[in-house]
Protein backbone atom coordinates (compact mmCIF):
# COMPACT_ATOMS: atom_id res chain seq x y z
CA UNK A 1 76.53 -105.01 -118.23
CA UNK A 2 72.88 -106.52 -116.97
CA UNK A 3 70.27 -104.74 -116.41
CA UNK A 4 66.99 -105.08 -114.71
CA UNK A 5 64.44 -103.61 -117.47
CA UNK A 6 60.88 -102.30 -117.21
CA UNK A 7 59.30 -103.63 -120.00
CA UNK A 8 60.81 -106.85 -119.69
CA UNK A 9 60.18 -107.07 -116.51
CA UNK A 10 63.63 -109.06 -116.52
CA UNK A 11 67.20 -108.28 -116.18
CA UNK A 12 68.75 -108.20 -119.02
CA UNK A 13 71.55 -107.54 -121.44
CA UNK A 14 72.35 -104.22 -121.27
CA UNK A 15 74.06 -103.64 -125.52
CA UNK A 16 76.72 -100.93 -124.85
CA UNK A 17 80.03 -101.80 -126.09
CA UNK A 18 83.04 -100.17 -125.76
CA UNK A 19 83.78 -97.01 -128.06
CA UNK A 20 80.11 -96.88 -128.19
CA UNK A 21 77.70 -93.69 -127.01
CA UNK A 22 75.31 -94.38 -124.47
CA UNK A 23 71.99 -91.83 -124.64
CA UNK A 24 70.81 -91.56 -121.73
CA UNK A 25 67.72 -89.41 -120.02
CA UNK A 26 66.74 -89.51 -116.67
CA UNK A 27 63.73 -87.84 -115.21
CA UNK A 28 64.58 -84.83 -113.61
CA UNK A 29 63.28 -82.23 -110.69
CA UNK A 30 60.02 -80.22 -111.12
CA UNK A 31 62.06 -77.36 -109.03
CA UNK A 32 59.72 -76.32 -106.40
CA UNK A 33 60.85 -77.75 -102.81
CA UNK A 34 63.75 -78.50 -101.37
CA UNK A 35 66.30 -82.14 -102.52
CA UNK A 36 65.17 -84.84 -100.71
CA UNK A 37 67.15 -88.24 -100.37
CA UNK A 38 64.41 -89.69 -102.78
CA UNK A 39 65.62 -87.45 -105.25
CA UNK A 40 69.66 -88.04 -104.76
CA UNK A 41 69.17 -91.97 -105.10
CA UNK A 42 67.75 -92.27 -108.36
CA UNK A 43 70.05 -89.42 -109.70
CA UNK A 44 72.76 -90.95 -107.97
CA UNK A 45 71.89 -94.75 -109.07
CA UNK A 46 71.80 -93.47 -112.89
CA UNK A 47 75.40 -91.56 -111.97
CA UNK A 48 76.23 -95.41 -110.68
CA UNK A 49 76.16 -96.78 -114.42
CA UNK A 50 77.72 -93.35 -116.09
CA UNK A 51 80.54 -94.18 -114.27
CA UNK A 52 81.04 -98.00 -115.04
CA UNK A 53 80.29 -97.89 -118.76
CA UNK A 54 83.05 -95.37 -118.35
CA UNK A 55 85.11 -97.49 -116.85
CA UNK A 56 84.29 -99.95 -119.97
CA UNK A 57 85.65 -97.87 -122.73
CA UNK A 58 82.02 -96.34 -123.16
CA UNK A 59 81.21 -92.77 -124.14
CA UNK A 60 77.85 -91.47 -121.83
CA UNK A 61 75.31 -88.44 -122.71
CA UNK A 62 72.90 -88.01 -120.25
CA UNK A 63 70.20 -85.39 -120.33
CA UNK A 64 68.39 -84.58 -117.19
CA UNK A 65 65.09 -82.19 -117.90
CA UNK A 66 64.17 -79.62 -115.67
CA UNK A 67 59.99 -78.89 -115.46
CA UNK A 68 59.29 -75.57 -114.64
CA UNK A 69 56.26 -75.30 -115.68
CA UNK A 70 53.75 -77.80 -114.67
CA UNK A 71 50.64 -77.95 -111.72
CA UNK A 72 52.55 -78.49 -108.61
CA UNK A 73 54.93 -76.02 -109.44
CA UNK A 74 52.15 -72.84 -110.89
CA UNK A 75 50.42 -73.95 -107.60
CA UNK A 76 53.28 -73.22 -105.24
CA UNK A 77 54.45 -70.35 -106.82
CA UNK A 78 50.78 -69.09 -106.58
CA UNK A 79 50.41 -70.14 -102.66
CA UNK A 80 53.86 -68.57 -102.47
CA UNK A 81 52.66 -65.15 -103.91
CA UNK A 82 55.89 -65.60 -106.29
CA UNK A 83 56.41 -65.75 -110.27
CA UNK A 84 56.50 -69.38 -111.17
CA UNK A 85 59.85 -69.16 -112.18
CA UNK A 86 60.89 -66.85 -109.73
CA UNK A 87 60.57 -69.74 -107.19
CA UNK A 88 62.12 -72.49 -110.13
CA UNK A 89 65.35 -70.26 -110.34
CA UNK A 90 66.20 -70.24 -106.66
CA UNK A 91 64.42 -74.30 -105.86
CA UNK A 92 67.08 -75.39 -108.60
CA UNK A 93 70.25 -73.46 -107.40
CA UNK A 94 70.07 -75.60 -104.47
CA UNK A 95 69.37 -78.95 -106.15
CA UNK A 96 72.67 -77.93 -108.25
CA UNK A 97 74.33 -77.42 -104.59
CA UNK A 98 73.26 -80.25 -103.08
CA UNK A 99 74.61 -82.82 -105.99
CA UNK A 100 78.06 -81.01 -106.49
CA UNK A 101 78.20 -81.65 -103.10
CA UNK A 102 77.42 -85.29 -103.42
CA UNK A 103 79.68 -85.18 -106.32
CA UNK A 104 77.41 -86.28 -109.15
CA UNK A 105 78.63 -86.10 -112.67
CA UNK A 106 77.15 -82.95 -114.34
CA UNK A 107 74.37 -84.02 -116.41
CA UNK A 108 75.83 -83.01 -119.98
CA UNK A 109 72.40 -81.03 -120.95
CA UNK A 110 69.68 -79.75 -118.60
CA UNK A 111 66.67 -78.03 -121.21
CA UNK A 112 63.69 -76.49 -119.00
CA UNK A 113 60.56 -77.64 -120.72
CA UNK A 114 59.54 -73.35 -120.61
CA UNK A 115 62.95 -73.59 -123.26
CA UNK A 116 61.19 -76.25 -125.68
CA UNK A 117 57.51 -74.87 -126.33
CA UNK A 118 58.47 -74.65 -129.94
CA UNK A 119 59.61 -78.43 -130.48
CA UNK A 120 55.96 -79.65 -127.46
CA UNK A 121 54.16 -77.55 -130.78
CA UNK A 122 56.21 -79.20 -134.04
CA UNK A 123 55.34 -82.79 -131.58
CA UNK A 124 51.36 -81.94 -130.75
CA UNK A 125 51.23 -80.70 -134.63
CA UNK A 126 52.59 -84.45 -135.41
CA UNK A 127 50.62 -86.54 -133.21
CA UNK A 128 47.58 -84.35 -134.64
CA UNK A 129 48.23 -85.35 -138.48
CA UNK A 130 48.94 -88.62 -137.43
CA UNK A 131 45.50 -89.36 -135.94
CA UNK A 132 47.09 -89.77 -132.55
CA UNK A 133 45.20 -86.69 -131.01
CA UNK A 134 42.89 -84.81 -131.57
CA UNK A 135 41.51 -80.77 -130.20
CA UNK A 136 38.65 -80.30 -127.96
CA UNK A 137 37.02 -76.76 -127.39
CA UNK A 138 40.01 -76.34 -125.26
CA UNK A 139 42.39 -79.08 -124.96
CA UNK A 140 44.62 -81.41 -127.46
CA UNK A 141 44.47 -84.97 -126.01
CA UNK A 142 46.02 -87.43 -127.41
CA UNK A 143 44.27 -90.45 -128.53
CA UNK A 144 45.00 -94.03 -126.43
CA UNK A 145 43.24 -95.96 -128.28
CA UNK A 146 45.14 -95.56 -131.49
CA UNK A 147 48.46 -96.56 -129.19
CA UNK A 148 47.56 -100.31 -129.33
CA UNK A 149 50.45 -101.39 -127.07
CA UNK A 150 49.48 -98.98 -124.18
CA UNK A 151 49.72 -100.75 -120.40
CA UNK A 152 53.25 -102.76 -121.65
CA UNK A 153 55.64 -100.72 -120.07
CA UNK A 154 53.82 -101.11 -116.94
CA UNK A 155 51.94 -103.85 -117.44
CA UNK A 156 48.92 -102.13 -116.22
CA UNK A 157 45.26 -103.04 -117.62
CA UNK A 158 42.38 -100.57 -118.14
CA UNK A 159 40.56 -100.18 -114.92
CA UNK A 160 44.43 -100.48 -113.15
CA UNK A 161 45.26 -97.24 -115.15
CA UNK A 162 42.25 -95.64 -115.30
CA UNK A 163 42.43 -95.95 -111.10
CA UNK A 164 46.23 -94.66 -111.05
CA UNK A 165 45.61 -91.88 -113.16
CA UNK A 166 42.73 -90.50 -110.43
CA UNK A 167 45.40 -91.20 -107.59
CA UNK A 168 47.85 -88.85 -109.76
CA UNK A 169 45.77 -86.02 -111.76
CA UNK A 170 44.88 -87.57 -114.62
CA UNK A 171 41.58 -86.57 -115.17
CA UNK A 172 39.73 -89.52 -115.64
CA UNK A 173 36.88 -87.90 -115.45
CA UNK A 174 37.13 -85.15 -118.41
CA UNK A 175 33.84 -85.13 -120.42
CA UNK A 176 35.59 -83.62 -122.95
CA UNK A 177 37.97 -86.85 -123.90
CA UNK A 178 37.28 -90.02 -126.15
CA UNK A 179 38.54 -92.39 -123.17
CA UNK A 180 39.55 -91.69 -119.67
CA UNK A 181 42.99 -92.67 -120.49
CA UNK A 182 43.69 -89.44 -123.05
CA UNK A 183 46.03 -87.30 -121.26
CA UNK A 184 46.38 -84.06 -121.86
CA UNK A 185 49.05 -82.64 -124.43
CA UNK A 186 47.75 -78.99 -124.80
CA UNK A 187 46.15 -77.32 -122.62
CA UNK A 188 44.38 -74.01 -122.43
CA UNK A 189 46.02 -72.31 -118.76
CA UNK A 190 44.17 -70.86 -116.24
CA UNK A 191 43.69 -67.23 -114.75
CA UNK A 192 47.34 -66.00 -114.16
CA UNK A 193 49.30 -69.15 -115.66
CA UNK A 194 52.23 -68.88 -118.30
CA UNK A 195 50.53 -69.30 -121.76
CA UNK A 196 52.47 -69.32 -125.55
CA UNK A 197 50.47 -69.03 -128.48
CA UNK A 198 49.57 -72.16 -130.29
CA UNK A 199 47.12 -72.97 -133.61
CA UNK A 200 45.01 -74.39 -131.14
CA UNK A 201 44.90 -70.77 -129.11
CA UNK A 202 46.79 -69.26 -126.27
CA UNK A 203 48.04 -72.42 -123.25
CA UNK A 204 50.50 -74.54 -122.17
CA UNK A 205 51.84 -78.22 -122.20
CA UNK A 206 51.33 -80.68 -120.58
CA UNK A 207 53.66 -82.88 -118.13
CA UNK A 208 53.92 -86.01 -120.55
CA UNK A 209 55.17 -84.23 -123.81
CA UNK A 210 57.45 -81.78 -122.42
CA UNK A 211 59.96 -84.98 -121.75
CA UNK A 212 58.92 -86.43 -125.26
CA UNK A 213 59.89 -83.47 -127.16
CA UNK A 214 63.28 -83.01 -124.77
CA UNK A 215 64.12 -86.44 -124.83
CA UNK A 216 64.00 -86.61 -129.51
CA UNK A 217 65.48 -82.82 -130.28
CA UNK A 218 68.65 -83.81 -127.34
CA UNK A 219 69.22 -87.99 -128.09
CA UNK A 220 67.01 -88.29 -130.51
CA UNK A 221 64.03 -91.09 -132.07
CA UNK A 222 65.30 -93.90 -129.40
CA UNK A 223 67.24 -93.18 -125.96
CA UNK A 224 69.60 -96.17 -125.47
CA UNK A 225 68.32 -96.20 -121.35
CA UNK A 226 65.77 -94.17 -119.78
CA UNK A 227 63.99 -93.59 -116.54
CA UNK A 228 63.34 -92.24 -113.23
CA UNK A 229 61.77 -92.78 -109.85
CA UNK A 230 59.05 -95.59 -110.13
CA UNK A 231 56.21 -93.81 -109.15
CA UNK A 232 57.26 -92.68 -112.99
CA UNK A 233 56.29 -95.61 -114.68
CA UNK A 234 51.89 -94.71 -114.68
CA UNK A 235 51.32 -92.24 -116.06
CA UNK A 236 54.10 -90.15 -117.02
CA UNK A 237 56.90 -92.46 -118.86
CA UNK A 238 53.68 -95.15 -120.22
CA UNK A 239 52.16 -91.81 -122.03
CA UNK A 240 56.11 -90.17 -122.92
CA UNK A 241 56.35 -93.61 -124.88
CA UNK A 242 53.59 -93.93 -126.70
CA UNK A 243 53.42 -90.25 -127.71
CA UNK A 244 56.51 -90.59 -129.18
CA UNK A 245 56.56 -93.52 -131.16
CA UNK A 246 52.99 -92.08 -132.07
CA UNK A 247 55.25 -89.48 -133.77
CA UNK A 248 58.12 -91.41 -135.32
CA UNK A 249 57.09 -95.17 -136.17
CA UNK A 250 60.62 -95.92 -134.08
CA UNK A 251 61.36 -97.14 -130.64
CA UNK A 252 61.21 -94.41 -128.27
CA UNK A 253 63.75 -96.77 -125.72
CA UNK A 254 65.65 -99.91 -125.79
CA UNK A 255 66.40 -100.07 -121.51
CA UNK A 256 63.79 -98.69 -119.26
CA UNK A 257 65.60 -98.35 -115.84
CA UNK A 258 63.54 -97.57 -113.23
CA UNK A 259 64.19 -96.78 -109.23
CA UNK A 260 62.55 -97.83 -106.04
CA UNK A 261 60.82 -95.94 -104.04
CA UNK A 262 62.65 -94.11 -100.59
CA UNK A 263 60.07 -94.74 -97.33
CA UNK A 264 61.03 -93.24 -93.58
CA UNK A 265 59.37 -95.55 -90.62
CA UNK A 266 57.64 -97.51 -93.14
CA UNK A 267 56.03 -95.09 -94.71
CA UNK A 268 57.28 -94.04 -98.50
CA UNK A 269 58.82 -90.07 -98.30
CA UNK A 270 56.05 -87.75 -99.29
CA UNK A 271 55.47 -83.99 -99.25
CA UNK A 272 51.93 -84.93 -98.17
CA UNK A 273 53.68 -87.21 -95.31
CA UNK A 274 55.84 -85.06 -94.27
CA UNK A 275 58.07 -86.53 -93.93
CA UNK A 276 60.98 -85.84 -96.30
CA UNK A 277 64.74 -86.19 -95.42
CA UNK A 278 66.64 -83.05 -97.33
CA UNK A 279 70.15 -83.11 -98.41
CA UNK A 280 70.93 -80.11 -97.45
CA UNK A 281 69.28 -80.64 -94.20
CA UNK A 282 71.86 -84.14 -94.25
CA UNK A 283 74.78 -81.59 -95.61
CA UNK A 284 74.80 -79.44 -92.20
CA UNK A 285 75.31 -82.27 -90.02
CA UNK A 286 77.11 -84.71 -92.07
CA UNK A 287 80.19 -85.28 -94.47
CA UNK A 288 78.73 -85.18 -98.12
CA UNK A 289 80.38 -88.49 -99.25
CA UNK A 290 79.01 -90.53 -95.91
CA UNK A 291 75.48 -89.12 -97.49
CA UNK A 292 76.46 -90.36 -100.56
CA UNK A 293 78.20 -93.73 -98.97
CA UNK A 294 74.42 -93.67 -97.22
CA UNK A 295 72.55 -93.77 -100.41
CA UNK A 296 74.69 -96.66 -102.29
CA UNK A 297 74.13 -98.96 -99.32
CA UNK A 298 70.31 -99.57 -100.87
CA UNK A 299 69.42 -101.33 -104.00
CA UNK A 300 68.66 -99.02 -106.83
CA UNK A 301 65.35 -101.61 -107.14
CA UNK A 302 64.39 -102.17 -103.93
CA UNK A 303 62.04 -99.98 -101.91
CA UNK A 304 64.42 -99.18 -98.41
CA UNK A 305 63.44 -97.13 -95.31
CA UNK A 306 65.44 -94.33 -94.28
CA UNK A 307 67.31 -93.05 -91.32
CA UNK A 308 70.26 -90.72 -90.45
CA UNK A 309 71.69 -93.84 -88.78
CA UNK A 310 72.49 -95.13 -92.31
CA UNK A 311 74.92 -91.85 -92.40
CA UNK A 312 76.71 -92.81 -89.54
CA UNK A 313 77.73 -95.77 -90.36
CA UNK A 314 78.34 -95.08 -94.33
CA UNK A 315 80.31 -92.00 -91.94
CA UNK A 316 82.43 -94.93 -89.52
CA UNK A 317 82.75 -96.82 -92.77
CA UNK A 318 84.47 -93.83 -94.56
CA UNK A 319 87.28 -94.11 -92.44
CA UNK A 320 88.06 -97.70 -92.30
CA UNK A 321 88.20 -97.86 -96.52
CA UNK A 322 90.79 -94.62 -95.30
CA UNK A 323 92.63 -96.22 -93.15
CA UNK A 324 93.14 -99.07 -95.83
CA UNK A 325 94.92 -96.54 -98.55
CA UNK A 326 95.43 -95.78 -101.73
CA UNK A 327 95.17 -99.02 -104.06
CA UNK A 328 93.52 -100.92 -106.88
CA UNK A 329 92.45 -103.84 -103.83
CA UNK A 330 89.01 -104.87 -104.87
CA UNK A 331 88.30 -103.89 -107.79
CA UNK A 332 88.06 -106.52 -110.12
CA UNK A 333 85.80 -107.52 -107.92
CA UNK A 334 83.30 -104.31 -107.25
CA UNK A 335 83.37 -104.19 -111.43
CA UNK A 336 82.00 -107.74 -111.50
CA UNK A 337 79.03 -106.60 -108.25
CA UNK A 338 77.98 -103.26 -110.47
CA UNK A 339 77.51 -105.50 -113.68
CA UNK A 340 74.78 -107.68 -111.92
CA UNK A 341 72.11 -105.25 -112.00
CA UNK A 342 73.80 -102.42 -110.57
CA UNK A 343 74.93 -103.70 -107.07
CA UNK A 344 76.11 -101.20 -105.17
CA UNK A 345 75.77 -103.46 -101.58
CA UNK A 346 77.33 -105.94 -103.05
CA UNK A 347 80.22 -103.46 -104.30
CA UNK A 348 80.16 -101.83 -100.75
CA UNK A 349 80.45 -105.62 -99.19
CA UNK A 350 83.75 -106.50 -101.18
CA UNK A 351 85.42 -103.12 -100.47
CA UNK A 352 85.03 -103.90 -96.94
CA UNK A 353 86.20 -107.18 -97.46
CA UNK A 354 89.04 -105.88 -98.63
CA UNK A 355 89.79 -102.25 -96.71
CA UNK A 356 89.29 -105.44 -93.77
CA UNK A 357 92.62 -107.38 -95.59
CA UNK A 358 94.34 -104.88 -95.84
CA UNK A 359 94.23 -104.38 -99.10
CA UNK A 360 94.27 -100.10 -100.02
CA UNK A 361 90.51 -99.91 -101.62
CA UNK A 362 90.44 -95.93 -102.97
CA UNK A 363 90.53 -96.97 -106.57
CA UNK A 364 87.36 -99.00 -105.98
CA UNK A 365 85.91 -96.57 -103.91
CA UNK A 366 86.76 -93.57 -106.77
CA UNK A 367 84.50 -95.50 -109.57
CA UNK A 368 81.72 -95.55 -107.24
CA UNK A 369 82.26 -92.09 -107.06
CA UNK A 370 83.20 -91.73 -103.41
CA UNK A 371 86.22 -89.87 -103.29
CA UNK A 372 88.29 -90.93 -100.26
């Protein structure tokens, strides 16, 4: 199998031998809203990757974190007048229902940031002792000047990273920092926010250090495949890579895999744009397998436009495949497509051709997680 690797910016072989275990970490949700199709597309790409690896004789261990202490979650809970963990619990229940309906393989572990405070504190302590972090009067920061390869994952220069950090809540103008790109590891909690004790005072962890601590705890010092949406490349994954490698002295990730952004009417889906399409709403109108099939129609690393007409087309495709009967038509050709950078549109085309020729295609559909 070959997959695009973000840091090398090329399609390269994925080192996965039959009988081996491929350790995967995909950044999960911050549970303060319903699951939209952009979320679902990312998790579905990792789901299909796992299915093909298992089909090849590999084992997979997939960890998907839950960011249950975060600026966005705390802000939403405060605005709604509810406890942040109550908001998280309701959002997680809805997310789990959506993922189950779409037929996603369950994650092997779904650790929460709030469950890993001790691990986070230990990781920050290691970074301070090694000289990769520093304390101020209120916070602890990672010192990017001590990470010579900072920026290699995203391929951005310092000025580009500063501007992107400013647009994504990184506060590069914070006068407490030695460098605008330094990022917070531990911060003093604002009034009313959750806080935990530490050697650096009461406070809460920064976002980036949560994922590093969870990945290191559940998958070890080096992860085989790690990623999420392409909007996480910087700053989240750039920072996660820097601090993890500073702490362990080993490569954090062998293969970075990121998924594309989903647009609606030509505009990137976002809460601020008000153009989200929620999985729960689609499930009320369409068979979940049709929604899954619609999402598979886009290549995982090409930006694409969502419309509900895609689900209508997928529903018709489902009926054609079901009419073709049960069997392994197109299976070998479809495997070859998936091994070519997880080409799900090409895989669908192979199944279509087989069904049109009267070949039964249920086995090929099942490898995509589409149950006929």
